[in-house]
Amino acid sequence: MAKKKQRIEKKVKIGDKRVSVYGYTAFEIQQKIENLQAAAERKANPTFRDIADNWQEEHDKNIEYYTADCYKAPLKDVNAEFGDVRITEITPIDIQNFINAYSLKGYKRQTVKLRLSVIKQVLDYAILHGLIQTNPTMTVTIPRTVKNGVRELPSADDIEKIKAVVSNGFELFPFFVLYTGLRKEEALAIRYEDIDFETDSIAVNKVVIFTGGGKPTIRAHTKSAAGMRTAPLLAPLKRMLEQSERRTGYVFSAKADGSEPYAKGTFDYSFSKYRKQYDIKCGIHQLRHEYATFCYDAGLDAKEAQKLLGHSKESVTRDIYTHIRESRQQEAIRKLNAFIT
């Protein structure tokens, strides 16, 4: 009968603690000790990715779905650069070199700024948990050569086509956004019950978010507190909506009875098909920008337009107004040049 192997115990110090390690061979015990030492080292001096994962988990609990979604691409880019680097080994020059290199790719200032913001927030989280003493992003700057990005207004041709081809099919969606200024996720959540044809108003109080597999889920609040608002039901849109045979359910739905909003895949396919069929170049958010142009041309000040658009800060609306004004000046100069020459 084979003799039963005796389990061996070895006491070692791992970090600040003495622990017992058990095994049947010296080699097995040594492997376990090395694994424990590596785990202790990782805990005491984790990688950027370790901290970023914990930060993201806590951060996403306190922000809206669409805000969290905006952080995914920046976090992926930052992890690709610093993910495997120990948190204590990241220096200001490392971060500055990353920002400089990323800027050279031609991205706009807000895109670069978001990457730097993610790094700063992750490292602030590391300070909070006693892993580092100072944040190396404090001296990092975005190169002055990086330009501010401005979303282009839709062309007059696109706007005319959207107005001309409107129907109670999918064509109603861009027409709806054009005359309400709602965000895509707000518009997709609108039910006929939210529309008051007597007071000519639309209650904006929920959004659609897309979960696993692009399934639509209703969240009973908007991107920010400012997003909870009442939008005016303008005459052109009212005339179109009054032609609908339905008065209940979601206005935009793949279901005949409007029982649920579009799934992500269905919406994306329908919008792509719509743009191709009518040769429309602009995107959904540009139509929201065009609504801001309506506000500007109607003489609404930035504060009034802010309430209609649901911007959390008046400065956002003012920036759009500035862009509209500058675009008009450029067009005026073009016309004047054309006349002179």
C-alpha atoms as a PDB file:
ATOM      1  CA  MET A   1       0.000   0.000   0.000  1.00  0.00           C
ATOM      2  CA  ALA A   2       1.393   3.382  -1.073  1.00  0.00           C
ATOM      3  CA  LYS A   3       2.300   5.708   1.726  1.00  0.00           C
ATOM      4  CA  LYS A   4       0.004   8.738   1.915  1.00  0.00           C
ATOM      5  CA  LYS A   5       1.795  12.025   1.197  1.00  0.00           C
ATOM      6  CA  GLN A   6       2.211  14.373   4.106  1.00  0.00           C
ATOM      7  CA  ARG A   7       0.991  17.912   3.640  1.00  0.00           C
ATOM      8  CA  ILE A   8       3.727  20.444   4.331  1.00  0.00           C
ATOM      9  CA  GLU A   9       3.172  23.795   6.050  1.00  0.00           C
ATOM     10  CA  LYS A  10       5.440  26.781   5.591  1.00  0.00           C
ATOM     11  CA  LYS A  11       5.000  30.136   7.334  1.00  0.00           C
ATOM     12  CA  VAL A  12       6.006  33.183   5.301  1.00  0.00           C
ATOM     13  CA  LYS A  13       5.546  36.933   5.458  1.00  0.00           C
ATOM     14  CA  ILE A  14       3.397  38.355   2.689  1.00  0.00           C
ATOM     15  CA  GLY A  15       3.278  42.127   2.894  1.00  0.00           C
ATOM     16  CA  ASP A  16       2.653  42.983   6.554  1.00  0.00           C
ATOM     17  CA  LYS A  17       1.156  39.625   7.468  1.00  0.00           C
ATOM     18  CA  ARG A  18       2.513  36.185   8.298  1.00  0.00           C
ATOM     19  CA  VAL A  19       0.540  33.428   6.608  1.00  0.00           C
ATOM     20  CA  SER A  20       0.682  29.651   6.421  1.00  0.00           C
ATOM     21  CA  VAL A  21       1.153  28.084   3.011  1.00  0.00           C
ATOM     22  CA  TYR A  22       0.337  24.416   2.538  1.00  0.00           C
ATOM     23  CA  GLY A  23       1.361  21.921  -0.129  1.00  0.00           C
ATOM     24  CA  TYR A  24       2.632  18.405  -0.734  1.00  0.00           C
ATOM     25  CA  THR A  25       5.915  19.389  -2.368  1.00  0.00           C
ATOM     26  CA  ALA A  26       8.429  22.186  -1.963  1.00  0.00           C
ATOM     27  CA  PHE A  27       7.779  23.186  -5.593  1.00  0.00           C
ATOM     28  CA  GLU A  28       4.011  23.474  -4.986  1.00  0.00           C
ATOM     29  CA  ILE A  29       4.549  25.593  -1.883  1.00  0.00           C
ATOM     30  CA  GLN A  30       6.995  27.877  -3.709  1.00  0.00           C
ATOM     31  CA  GLN A  31       4.482  28.443  -6.519  1.00  0.00           C
ATOM     32  CA  LYS A  32       1.787  29.355  -4.008  1.00  0.00           C
ATOM     33  CA  ILE A  33       4.141  31.752  -2.218  1.00  0.00           C
ATOM     34  CA  GLU A  34       5.031  33.474  -5.507  1.00  0.00           C
ATOM     35  CA  ASN A  35       1.340  33.793  -6.394  1.00  0.00           C
ATOM     36  CA  LEU A  36       0.564  35.309  -2.995  1.00  0.00           C
ATOM     37  CA  GLN A  37       3.485  37.709  -3.293  1.00  0.00           C
ATOM     38  CA  ALA A  38       2.352  38.762  -6.786  1.00  0.00           C
ATOM     39  CA  ALA A  39      -1.206  39.303  -5.519  1.00  0.00           C
ATOM     40  CA  ALA A  40       0.083  41.364  -2.576  1.00  0.00           C
ATOM     41  CA  GLU A  41       2.238  43.453  -4.895  1.00  0.00           C
ATOM     42  CA  ARG A  42      -0.680  43.971  -7.241  1.00  0.00           C
ATOM     43  CA  LYS A  43      -2.886  45.082  -4.339  1.00  0.00           C
ATOM     44  CA  ALA A  44      -0.245  47.437  -2.946  1.00  0.00           C
ATOM     45  CA  ASN A  45       0.728  48.783  -6.364  1.00  0.00           C
ATOM     46  CA  PRO A  46      -2.083  47.955  -8.804  1.00  0.00           C
ATOM     47  CA  THR A  47      -2.042  48.648 -12.515  1.00  0.00           C
ATOM     48  CA  PHE A  48      -3.903  51.574 -14.037  1.00  0.00           C
ATOM     49  CA  ARG A  49      -6.466  49.128 -15.431  1.00  0.00           C
ATOM     50  CA  ASP A  50      -7.145  47.673 -11.968  1.00  0.00           C
ATOM     51  CA  ILE A  51      -7.935  51.137 -10.624  1.00  0.00           C
ATOM     52  CA  ALA A  52      -9.824  52.152 -13.776  1.00  0.00           C
ATOM     53  CA  ASP A  53     -12.127  49.126 -13.479  1.00  0.00           C
ATOM     54  CA  ASN A  54     -12.991  49.981  -9.882  1.00  0.00           C
ATOM     55  CA  TRP A  55     -13.412  53.668 -10.733  1.00  0.00           C
ATOM     56  CA  GLN A  56     -15.723  52.886 -13.635  1.00  0.00           C
ATOM     57  CA  GLU A  57     -17.894  50.599 -11.521  1.00  0.00           C
ATOM     58  CA  GLU A  58     -18.459  53.321  -8.916  1.00  0.00           C
ATOM     59  CA  HIS A  59     -18.546  56.199 -11.381  1.00  0.00           C
ATOM     60  CA  ASP A  60     -21.247  54.656 -13.574  1.00  0.00           C
ATOM     61  CA  LYS A  61     -23.599  54.356 -10.586  1.00  0.00           C
ATOM     62  CA  ASN A  62     -23.695  58.126 -10.192  1.00  0.00           C
ATOM     63  CA  ILE A  63     -24.132  59.302 -13.786  1.00  0.00           C
ATOM     64  CA  GLU A  64     -26.694  58.886 -16.530  1.00  0.00           C
ATOM     65  CA  TYR A  65     -26.497  56.004 -18.985  1.00  0.00           C
ATOM     66  CA  TYR A  66     -25.639  58.208 -21.974  1.00  0.00           C
ATOM     67  CA  THR A  67     -22.971  60.067 -20.011  1.00  0.00           C
ATOM     68  CA  ALA A  68     -21.422  56.749 -18.957  1.00  0.00           C
ATOM     69  CA  ASP A  69     -21.569  55.612 -22.577  1.00  0.00           C
ATOM     70  CA  CYS A  70     -19.515  58.667 -23.599  1.00  0.00           C
ATOM     71  CA  TYR A  71     -16.707  57.519 -21.304  1.00  0.00           C
ATOM     72  CA  LYS A  72     -16.362  54.048 -22.825  1.00  0.00           C
ATOM     73  CA  ALA A  73     -14.255  54.986 -25.858  1.00  0.00           C
ATOM     74  CA  PRO A  74     -11.942  57.354 -23.915  1.00  0.00           C
ATOM     75  CA  LEU A  75     -11.404  54.726 -21.202  1.00  0.00           C
ATOM     76  CA  LYS A  76     -10.590  52.130 -23.840  1.00  0.00           C
ATOM     77  CA  ASP A  77      -8.000  54.439 -25.428  1.00  0.00           C
ATOM     78  CA  VAL A  78      -6.444  55.303 -22.071  1.00  0.00           C
ATOM     79  CA  ASN A  79      -6.302  51.657 -20.985  1.00  0.00           C
ATOM     80  CA  ALA A  80      -4.573  50.771 -24.246  1.00  0.00           C
ATOM     81  CA  GLU A  81      -1.806  53.197 -23.270  1.00  0.00           C
ATOM     82  CA  PHE A  82      -1.584  52.829 -19.489  1.00  0.00           C
ATOM     83  CA  GLY A  83      -3.615  49.727 -18.624  1.00  0.00           C
ATOM     84  CA  ASP A  84      -0.672  47.473 -17.734  1.00  0.00           C
ATOM     85  CA  VAL A  85       1.438  50.199 -16.092  1.00  0.00           C
ATOM     86  CA  ARG A  86       1.666  50.254 -12.288  1.00  0.00           C
ATOM     87  CA  ILE A  87      -0.263  53.206 -10.914  1.00  0.00           C
ATOM     88  CA  THR A  88       2.811  54.497  -9.045  1.00  0.00           C
ATOM     89  CA  GLU A  89       4.953  54.444 -12.182  1.00  0.00           C
ATOM     90  CA  ILE A  90       2.839  56.818 -14.308  1.00  0.00           C
ATOM     91  CA  THR A  91       4.557  60.190 -14.608  1.00  0.00           C
ATOM     92  CA  PRO A  92       3.422  63.603 -15.904  1.00  0.00           C
ATOM     93  CA  ILE A  93       5.650  63.262 -18.968  1.00  0.00           C
ATOM     94  CA  ASP A  94       4.065  59.876 -19.788  1.00  0.00           C
ATOM     95  CA  ILE A  95       0.625  61.475 -19.785  1.00  0.00           C
ATOM     96  CA  GLN A  96       1.793  64.567 -21.670  1.00  0.00           C
ATOM     97  CA  ASN A  97       3.370  62.385 -24.371  1.00  0.00           C
ATOM     98  CA  PHE A  98       0.114  60.434 -24.712  1.00  0.00           C
ATOM     99  CA  ILE A  99      -1.950  63.626 -25.014  1.00  0.00           C
ATOM    100  CA  ASN A 100       0.485  65.100 -27.541  1.00  0.00           C
ATOM    101  CA  ALA A 101       0.468  61.936 -29.656  1.00  0.00           C
ATOM    102  CA  TYR A 102      -3.320  61.674 -29.510  1.00  0.00           C
ATOM    103  CA  SER A 103      -3.669  65.335 -30.499  1.00  0.00           C
ATOM    104  CA  LEU A 104      -1.549  64.752 -33.602  1.00  0.00           C
ATOM    105  CA  LYS A 105      -4.174  62.306 -34.890  1.00  0.00           C
ATOM    106  CA  GLY A 106      -6.381  65.257 -35.768  1.00  0.00           C
ATOM    107  CA  TYR A 107      -9.019  64.922 -33.074  1.00  0.00           C
ATOM    108  CA  LYS A 108     -10.917  67.950 -31.825  1.00  0.00           C
ATOM    109  CA  ARG A 109     -10.172  69.535 -28.449  1.00  0.00           C
ATOM    110  CA  GLN A 110     -13.205  68.048 -26.677  1.00  0.00           C
ATOM    111  CA  THR A 111     -12.192  64.536 -27.755  1.00  0.00           C
ATOM    112  CA  VAL A 112      -8.650  65.000 -26.442  1.00  0.00           C
ATOM    113  CA  LYS A 113      -9.922  66.723 -23.304  1.00  0.00           C
ATOM    114  CA  LEU A 114     -12.162  63.766 -22.482  1.00  0.00           C
ATOM    115  CA  ARG A 115      -9.170  61.371 -22.553  1.00  0.00           C
ATOM    116  CA  LEU A 116      -7.250  63.615 -20.175  1.00  0.00           C
ATOM    117  CA  SER A 117     -10.316  63.923 -17.938  1.00  0.00           C
ATOM    118  CA  VAL A 118     -10.617  60.137 -17.655  1.00  0.00           C
ATOM    119  CA  ILE A 119      -6.944  59.790 -16.670  1.00  0.00           C
ATOM    120  CA  LYS A 120      -7.343  62.535 -14.059  1.00  0.00           C
ATOM    121  CA  GLN A 121     -10.464  60.968 -12.543  1.00  0.00           C
ATOM    122  CA  VAL A 122      -8.893  57.501 -12.334  1.00  0.00           C
ATOM    123  CA  LEU A 123      -5.777  58.913 -10.660  1.00  0.00           C
ATOM    124  CA  ASP A 124      -7.923  60.994  -8.269  1.00  0.00           C
ATOM    125  CA  TYR A 125      -9.619  57.722  -7.343  1.00  0.00           C
ATOM    126  CA  ALA A 126      -6.173  56.226  -6.663  1.00  0.00           C
ATOM    127  CA  ILE A 127      -5.335  59.179  -4.359  1.00  0.00           C
ATOM    128  CA  LEU A 128      -8.636  58.695  -2.535  1.00  0.00           C
ATOM    129  CA  HIS A 129      -7.661  55.087  -1.795  1.00  0.00           C
ATOM    130  CA  GLY A 130      -4.177  55.970  -0.610  1.00  0.00           C
ATOM    131  CA  LEU A 131      -2.302  54.452  -3.541  1.00  0.00           C
ATOM    132  CA  ILE A 132      -0.573  57.647  -4.709  1.00  0.00           C
ATOM    133  CA  GLN A 133      -0.020  61.052  -3.107  1.00  0.00           C
ATOM    134  CA  THR A 134      -0.361  63.472  -6.026  1.00  0.00           C
ATOM    135  CA  ASN A 135      -2.067  63.479  -9.409  1.00  0.00           C
ATOM    136  CA  PRO A 136       0.469  63.613 -12.286  1.00  0.00           C
ATOM    137  CA  THR A 137      -2.113  65.158 -14.628  1.00  0.00           C
ATOM    138  CA  MET A 138      -1.880  68.501 -12.789  1.00  0.00           C
ATOM    139  CA  THR A 139       0.850  69.821 -15.079  1.00  0.00           C
ATOM    140  CA  VAL A 140      -0.410  68.214 -18.291  1.00  0.00           C
ATOM    141  CA  THR A 141      -1.872  70.530 -20.953  1.00  0.00           C
ATOM    142  CA  ILE A 142      -3.621  70.095 -24.281  1.00  0.00           C
ATOM    143  CA  PRO A 143      -1.586  71.575 -27.165  1.00  0.00           C
ATOM    144  CA  ARG A 144      -2.837  74.947 -28.383  1.00  0.00           C
ATOM    145  CA  THR A 145      -2.855  73.650 -31.943  1.00  0.00           C
ATOM    146  CA  VAL A 146      -5.821  71.373 -31.117  1.00  0.00           C
ATOM    147  CA  LYS A 147      -8.927  73.066 -32.500  1.00  0.00           C
ATOM    148  CA  ASN A 148     -12.370  73.268 -30.951  1.00  0.00           C
ATOM    149  CA  GLY A 149     -14.855  71.095 -32.778  1.00  0.00           C
ATOM    150  CA  VAL A 150     -18.127  72.531 -33.984  1.00  0.00           C
ATOM    151  CA  ARG A 151     -21.001  70.407 -35.225  1.00  0.00           C
ATOM    152  CA  GLU A 152     -21.956  71.478 -38.729  1.00  0.00           C
ATOM    153  CA  LEU A 153     -25.480  72.672 -39.384  1.00  0.00           C
ATOM    154  CA  PRO A 154     -27.517  70.514 -41.777  1.00  0.00           C
ATOM    155  CA  SER A 155     -27.645  71.784 -45.323  1.00  0.00           C
ATOM    156  CA  ALA A 156     -30.667  73.657 -46.608  1.00  0.00           C
ATOM    157  CA  ASP A 157     -31.096  70.842 -49.135  1.00  0.00           C
ATOM    158  CA  ASP A 158     -31.329  68.238 -46.362  1.00  0.00           C
ATOM    159  CA  ILE A 159     -33.886  70.303 -44.444  1.00  0.00           C
ATOM    160  CA  GLU A 160     -36.079  70.724 -47.527  1.00  0.00           C
ATOM    161  CA  LYS A 161     -35.983  66.983 -48.217  1.00  0.00           C
ATOM    162  CA  ILE A 162     -36.906  66.135 -44.608  1.00  0.00           C
ATOM    163  CA  LYS A 163     -39.903  68.440 -44.860  1.00  0.00           C
ATOM    164  CA  ALA A 164     -40.918  67.205 -48.310  1.00  0.00           C
ATOM    165  CA  VAL A 165     -40.837  63.432 -47.723  1.00  0.00           C
ATOM    166  CA  VAL A 166     -42.459  63.389 -44.262  1.00  0.00           C
ATOM    167  CA  SER A 167     -45.103  60.719 -43.703  1.00  0.00           C
ATOM    168  CA  ASN A 168     -46.410  58.653 -40.813  1.00  0.00           C
ATOM    169  CA  GLY A 169     -43.722  56.063 -41.499  1.00  0.00           C
ATOM    170  CA  PHE A 170     -40.123  56.337 -40.319  1.00  0.00           C
ATOM    171  CA  GLU A 171     -39.883  59.635 -42.232  1.00  0.00           C
ATOM    172  CA  LEU A 172     -41.761  61.212 -39.329  1.00  0.00           C
ATOM    173  CA  PHE A 173     -38.842  60.713 -36.930  1.00  0.00           C
ATOM    174  CA  PRO A 174     -36.342  63.240 -38.387  1.00  0.00           C
ATOM    175  CA  PHE A 175     -39.253  65.637 -39.009  1.00  0.00           C
ATOM    176  CA  PHE A 176     -40.226  65.255 -35.333  1.00  0.00           C
ATOM    177  CA  VAL A 177     -36.679  65.982 -34.101  1.00  0.00           C
ATOM    178  CA  LEU A 178     -36.429  68.952 -36.463  1.00  0.00           C
ATOM    179  CA  TYR A 179     -39.534  70.575 -34.950  1.00  0.00           C
ATOM    180  CA  THR A 180     -38.975  69.641 -31.295  1.00  0.00           C
ATOM    181  CA  GLY A 181     -35.199  69.744 -30.840  1.00  0.00           C
ATOM    182  CA  LEU A 182     -35.381  66.562 -28.764  1.00  0.00           C
ATOM    183  CA  ARG A 183     -32.399  64.247 -28.386  1.00  0.00           C
ATOM    184  CA  LYS A 184     -32.749  60.899 -30.137  1.00  0.00           C
ATOM    185  CA  GLU A 185     -33.253  58.995 -26.883  1.00  0.00           C
ATOM    186  CA  GLU A 186     -35.901  61.514 -25.761  1.00  0.00           C
ATOM    187  CA  ALA A 187     -37.813  61.395 -29.047  1.00  0.00           C
ATOM    188  CA  LEU A 188     -37.853  57.587 -29.104  1.00  0.00           C
ATOM    189  CA  ALA A 189     -39.445  57.580 -25.641  1.00  0.00           C
ATOM    190  CA  ILE A 190     -42.347  59.888 -26.562  1.00  0.00           C
ATOM    191  CA  ARG A 191     -45.821  58.356 -26.365  1.00  0.00           C
ATOM    192  CA  TYR A 192     -48.980  59.856 -27.808  1.00  0.00           C
ATOM    193  CA  GLU A 193     -50.132  60.201 -24.215  1.00  0.00           C
ATOM    194  CA  ASP A 194     -47.282  62.720 -23.709  1.00  0.00           C
ATOM    195  CA  ILE A 195     -48.674  64.978 -26.435  1.00  0.00           C
ATOM    196  CA  ASP A 196     -51.391  67.466 -25.533  1.00  0.00           C
ATOM    197  CA  PHE A 197     -53.113  68.584 -28.710  1.00  0.00           C
ATOM    198  CA  GLU A 198     -55.217  71.095 -26.755  1.00  0.00           C
ATOM    199  CA  THR A 199     -52.335  73.024 -25.178  1.00  0.00           C
ATOM    200  CA  ASP A 200     -49.889  72.273 -28.027  1.00  0.00           C
ATOM    201  CA  SER A 201     -47.268  70.805 -25.718  1.00  0.00           C
ATOM    202  CA  ILE A 202     -45.128  67.680 -25.390  1.00  0.00           C
ATOM    203  CA  ALA A 203     -44.038  66.336 -21.993  1.00  0.00           C
ATOM    204  CA  VAL A 204     -40.365  65.294 -22.100  1.00  0.00           C
ATOM    205  CA  ASN A 205     -39.779  63.179 -18.994  1.00  0.00           C
ATOM    206  CA  LYS A 206     -38.100  59.916 -19.997  1.00  0.00           C
ATOM    207  CA  VAL A 207     -35.533  58.413 -22.343  1.00  0.00           C
ATOM    208  CA  VAL A 208     -34.875  55.154 -24.132  1.00  0.00           C
ATOM    209  CA  ILE A 209     -31.638  53.379 -23.300  1.00  0.00           C
ATOM    210  CA  PHE A 210     -30.406  50.319 -25.164  1.00  0.00           C
ATOM    211  CA  THR A 211     -29.281  47.423 -23.011  1.00  0.00           C
ATOM    212  CA  GLY A 212     -27.820  44.035 -24.010  1.00  0.00           C
ATOM    213  CA  GLY A 213     -28.538  43.163 -27.623  1.00  0.00           C
ATOM    214  CA  GLY A 214     -29.889  46.657 -28.283  1.00  0.00           C
ATOM    215  CA  LYS A 215     -33.090  46.019 -26.328  1.00  0.00           C
ATOM    216  CA  PRO A 216     -34.984  49.272 -25.616  1.00  0.00           C
ATOM    217  CA  THR A 217     -35.556  50.118 -21.959  1.00  0.00           C
ATOM    218  CA  ILE A 218     -37.391  53.162 -20.671  1.00  0.00           C
ATOM    219  CA  ARG A 219     -35.690  55.226 -17.997  1.00  0.00           C
ATOM    220  CA  ALA A 220     -38.026  57.658 -16.296  1.00  0.00           C
ATOM    221  CA  HIS A 221     -35.734  60.674 -16.415  1.00  0.00           C
ATOM    222  CA  THR A 222     -33.653  62.501 -18.968  1.00  0.00           C
ATOM    223  CA  LYS A 223     -29.952  63.255 -19.386  1.00  0.00           C
ATOM    224  CA  SER A 224     -30.063  66.005 -16.734  1.00  0.00           C
ATOM    225  CA  ALA A 225     -32.571  67.833 -14.560  1.00  0.00           C
ATOM    226  CA  ALA A 226     -32.782  70.486 -17.288  1.00  0.00           C
ATOM    227  CA  GLY A 227     -33.924  67.766 -19.674  1.00  0.00           C
ATOM    228  CA  MET A 228     -37.202  67.384 -17.766  1.00  0.00           C
ATOM    229  CA  ARG A 229     -39.238  69.928 -19.677  1.00  0.00           C
ATOM    230  CA  THR A 230     -42.237  70.724 -21.823  1.00  0.00           C
ATOM    231  CA  ALA A 231     -41.575  71.196 -25.521  1.00  0.00           C
ATOM    232  CA  PRO A 232     -43.957  73.215 -27.701  1.00  0.00           C
ATOM    233  CA  LEU A 233     -45.947  71.286 -30.299  1.00  0.00           C
ATOM    234  CA  LEU A 234     -45.269  73.455 -33.344  1.00  0.00           C
ATOM    235  CA  ALA A 235     -47.895  73.743 -36.068  1.00  0.00           C
ATOM    236  CA  PRO A 236     -46.147  71.749 -38.867  1.00  0.00           C
ATOM    237  CA  LEU A 237     -45.569  68.800 -36.523  1.00  0.00           C
ATOM    238  CA  LYS A 238     -49.054  69.000 -35.054  1.00  0.00           C
ATOM    239  CA  ARG A 239     -50.600  68.733 -38.523  1.00  0.00           C
ATOM    240  CA  MET A 240     -48.596  65.571 -39.221  1.00  0.00           C
ATOM    241  CA  LEU A 241     -49.304  63.930 -35.869  1.00  0.00           C
ATOM    242  CA  GLU A 242     -53.029  64.606 -36.178  1.00  0.00           C
ATOM    243  CA  GLN A 243     -53.036  62.430 -39.311  1.00  0.00           C
ATOM    244  CA  SER A 244     -52.011  59.369 -37.299  1.00  0.00           C
ATOM    245  CA  GLU A 245     -54.628  56.680 -36.763  1.00  0.00           C
ATOM    246  CA  ARG A 246     -53.197  56.001 -33.297  1.00  0.00           C
ATOM    247  CA  ARG A 247     -53.526  58.084 -30.158  1.00  0.00           C
ATOM    248  CA  THR A 248     -51.820  55.684 -27.749  1.00  0.00           C
ATOM    249  CA  GLY A 249     -48.450  53.982 -27.461  1.00  0.00           C
ATOM    250  CA  TYR A 250     -45.011  55.038 -28.609  1.00  0.00           C
ATOM    251  CA  VAL A 251     -45.000  57.451 -31.530  1.00  0.00           C
ATOM    252  CA  PHE A 252     -41.962  55.673 -32.990  1.00  0.00           C
ATOM    253  CA  SER A 253     -42.279  51.910 -32.900  1.00  0.00           C
ATOM    254  CA  ALA A 254     -41.726  48.897 -35.113  1.00  0.00           C
ATOM    255  CA  LYS A 255     -44.969  47.508 -33.666  1.00  0.00           C
ATOM    256  CA  ALA A 256     -48.234  48.466 -35.358  1.00  0.00           C
ATOM    257  CA  ASP A 257     -49.859  49.153 -31.989  1.00  0.00           C
ATOM    258  CA  GLY A 258     -46.905  51.211 -30.708  1.00  0.00           C
ATOM    259  CA  SER A 259     -46.474  48.875 -27.743  1.00  0.00           C
ATOM    260  CA  GLU A 260     -42.696  49.290 -27.525  1.00  0.00           C
ATOM    261  CA  PRO A 261     -40.046  51.674 -28.882  1.00  0.00           C
ATOM    262  CA  TYR A 262     -37.570  50.791 -31.598  1.00  0.00           C
ATOM    263  CA  ALA A 263     -34.773  48.365 -30.753  1.00  0.00           C
ATOM    264  CA  LYS A 264     -31.334  49.781 -31.510  1.00  0.00           C
ATOM    265  CA  GLY A 265     -30.670  47.551 -34.530  1.00  0.00           C
ATOM    266  CA  THR A 266     -34.074  48.292 -36.066  1.00  0.00           C
ATOM    267  CA  PHE A 267     -33.694  52.035 -35.566  1.00  0.00           C
ATOM    268  CA  ASP A 268     -30.140  52.160 -36.951  1.00  0.00           C
ATOM    269  CA  TYR A 269     -31.157  50.140 -40.008  1.00  0.00           C
ATOM    270  CA  SER A 270     -34.256  52.289 -40.621  1.00  0.00           C
ATOM    271  CA  PHE A 271     -32.351  55.558 -40.316  1.00  0.00           C
ATOM    272  CA  SER A 272     -29.540  54.350 -42.578  1.00  0.00           C
ATOM    273  CA  LYS A 273     -32.094  53.230 -45.174  1.00  0.00           C
ATOM    274  CA  TYR A 274     -33.919  56.580 -44.882  1.00  0.00           C
ATOM    275  CA  ARG A 275     -30.739  58.611 -45.465  1.00  0.00           C
ATOM    276  CA  LYS A 276     -29.739  56.482 -48.443  1.00  0.00           C
ATOM    277  CA  GLN A 277     -33.213  56.530 -50.014  1.00  0.00           C
ATOM    278  CA  TYR A 278     -33.551  60.327 -49.878  1.00  0.00           C
ATOM    279  CA  ASP A 279     -29.834  61.192 -50.152  1.00  0.00           C
ATOM    280  CA  ILE A 280     -29.790  62.972 -46.800  1.00  0.00           C
ATOM    281  CA  LYS A 281     -26.351  63.665 -45.334  1.00  0.00           C
ATOM    282  CA  CYS A 282     -27.069  65.074 -41.879  1.00  0.00           C
ATOM    283  CA  GLY A 283     -27.324  63.106 -38.657  1.00  0.00           C
ATOM    284  CA  ILE A 284     -29.989  63.219 -35.947  1.00  0.00           C
ATOM    285  CA  HIS A 285     -28.113  65.583 -33.641  1.00  0.00           C
ATOM    286  CA  GLN A 286     -27.629  68.089 -36.449  1.00  0.00           C
ATOM    287  CA  LEU A 287     -31.426  68.396 -36.624  1.00  0.00           C
ATOM    288  CA  ARG A 288     -31.413  69.369 -32.966  1.00  0.00           C
ATOM    289  CA  HIS A 289     -28.877  72.018 -33.933  1.00  0.00           C
ATOM    290  CA  GLU A 290     -31.243  73.210 -36.673  1.00  0.00           C
ATOM    291  CA  TYR A 291     -33.987  73.579 -34.071  1.00  0.00           C
ATOM    292  CA  ALA A 292     -31.608  75.868 -32.181  1.00  0.00           C
ATOM    293  CA  THR A 293     -31.370  77.870 -35.423  1.00  0.00           C
ATOM    294  CA  PHE A 294     -35.173  78.216 -35.427  1.00  0.00           C
ATOM    295  CA  CYS A 295     -34.922  79.595 -31.883  1.00  0.00           C
ATOM    296  CA  TYR A 296     -32.164  82.002 -32.949  1.00  0.00           C
ATOM    297  CA  ASP A 297     -34.082  83.250 -35.985  1.00  0.00           C
ATOM    298  CA  ALA A 298     -37.271  83.627 -33.904  1.00  0.00           C
ATOM    299  CA  GLY A 299     -35.408  86.035 -31.621  1.00  0.00           C
ATOM    300  CA  LEU A 300     -35.353  83.834 -28.515  1.00  0.00           C
ATOM    301  CA  ASP A 301     -32.471  84.671 -26.204  1.00  0.00           C
ATOM    302  CA  ALA A 302     -30.038  81.969 -25.081  1.00  0.00           C
ATOM    303  CA  LYS A 303     -31.827  81.460 -21.747  1.00  0.00           C
ATOM    304  CA  GLU A 304     -35.176  80.840 -23.435  1.00  0.00           C
ATOM    305  CA  ALA A 305     -33.616  78.493 -25.999  1.00  0.00           C
ATOM    306  CA  GLN A 306     -31.756  76.638 -23.226  1.00  0.00           C
ATOM    307  CA  LYS A 307     -35.069  75.682 -21.603  1.00  0.00           C
ATOM    308  CA  LEU A 308     -36.521  74.408 -24.877  1.00  0.00           C
ATOM    309  CA  LEU A 309     -33.395  72.421 -25.776  1.00  0.00           C
ATOM    310  CA  GLY A 310     -32.913  71.011 -22.280  1.00  0.00           C
ATOM    311  CA  HIS A 311     -29.286  72.117 -21.965  1.00  0.00           C
ATOM    312  CA  SER A 312     -27.939  71.883 -18.417  1.00  0.00           C
ATOM    313  CA  LYS A 313     -25.837  75.036 -18.928  1.00  0.00           C
ATOM    314  CA  GLU A 314     -26.728  78.258 -20.703  1.00  0.00           C
ATOM    315  CA  SER A 315     -23.140  78.412 -21.995  1.00  0.00           C
ATOM    316  CA  VAL A 316     -23.842  75.377 -24.217  1.00  0.00           C
ATOM    317  CA  THR A 317     -26.720  77.211 -25.877  1.00  0.00           C
ATOM    318  CA  ARG A 318     -24.641  80.383 -26.200  1.00  0.00           C
ATOM    319  CA  ASP A 319     -21.889  78.428 -27.957  1.00  0.00           C
ATOM    320  CA  ILE A 320     -24.420  77.109 -30.479  1.00  0.00           C
ATOM    321  CA  TYR A 321     -25.817  80.614 -30.995  1.00  0.00           C
ATOM    322  CA  THR A 322     -22.281  81.903 -31.595  1.00  0.00           C
ATOM    323  CA  HIS A 323     -21.690  79.188 -34.196  1.00  0.00           C
ATOM    324  CA  ILE A 324     -24.962  80.047 -35.953  1.00  0.00           C
ATOM    325  CA  ARG A 325     -24.061  83.731 -36.015  1.00  0.00           C
ATOM    326  CA  GLU A 326     -20.562  83.036 -37.374  1.00  0.00           C
ATOM    327  CA  SER A 327     -21.982  80.677 -40.018  1.00  0.00           C
ATOM    328  CA  ARG A 328     -24.365  83.414 -41.152  1.00  0.00           C
ATOM    329  CA  GLN A 329     -21.500  85.914 -41.382  1.00  0.00           C
ATOM    330  CA  GLN A 330     -19.449  83.515 -43.491  1.00  0.00           C
ATOM    331  CA  GLU A 331     -22.417  82.950 -45.796  1.00  0.00           C
ATOM    332  CA  ALA A 332     -22.943  86.705 -46.100  1.00  0.00           C
ATOM    333  CA  ILE A 333     -19.272  87.169 -47.036  1.00  0.00           C
ATOM    334  CA  ARG A 334     -19.547  84.394 -49.630  1.00  0.00           C
ATOM    335  CA  LYS A 335     -22.595  86.041 -51.206  1.00  0.00           C
ATOM    336  CA  LEU A 336     -20.883  89.424 -51.211  1.00  0.00           C
ATOM    337  CA  ASN A 337     -17.777  87.952 -52.892  1.00  0.00           C
ATOM    338  CA  ALA A 338     -19.966  86.217 -55.463  1.00  0.00           C
ATOM    339  CA  PHE A 339     -21.739  89.516 -56.230  1.00  0.00           C
ATOM    340  CA  ILE A 340     -18.499  91.526 -56.500  1.00  0.00           C
ATOM    341  CA  THR A 341     -16.747  89.002 -58.750  1.00  0.00           C
END
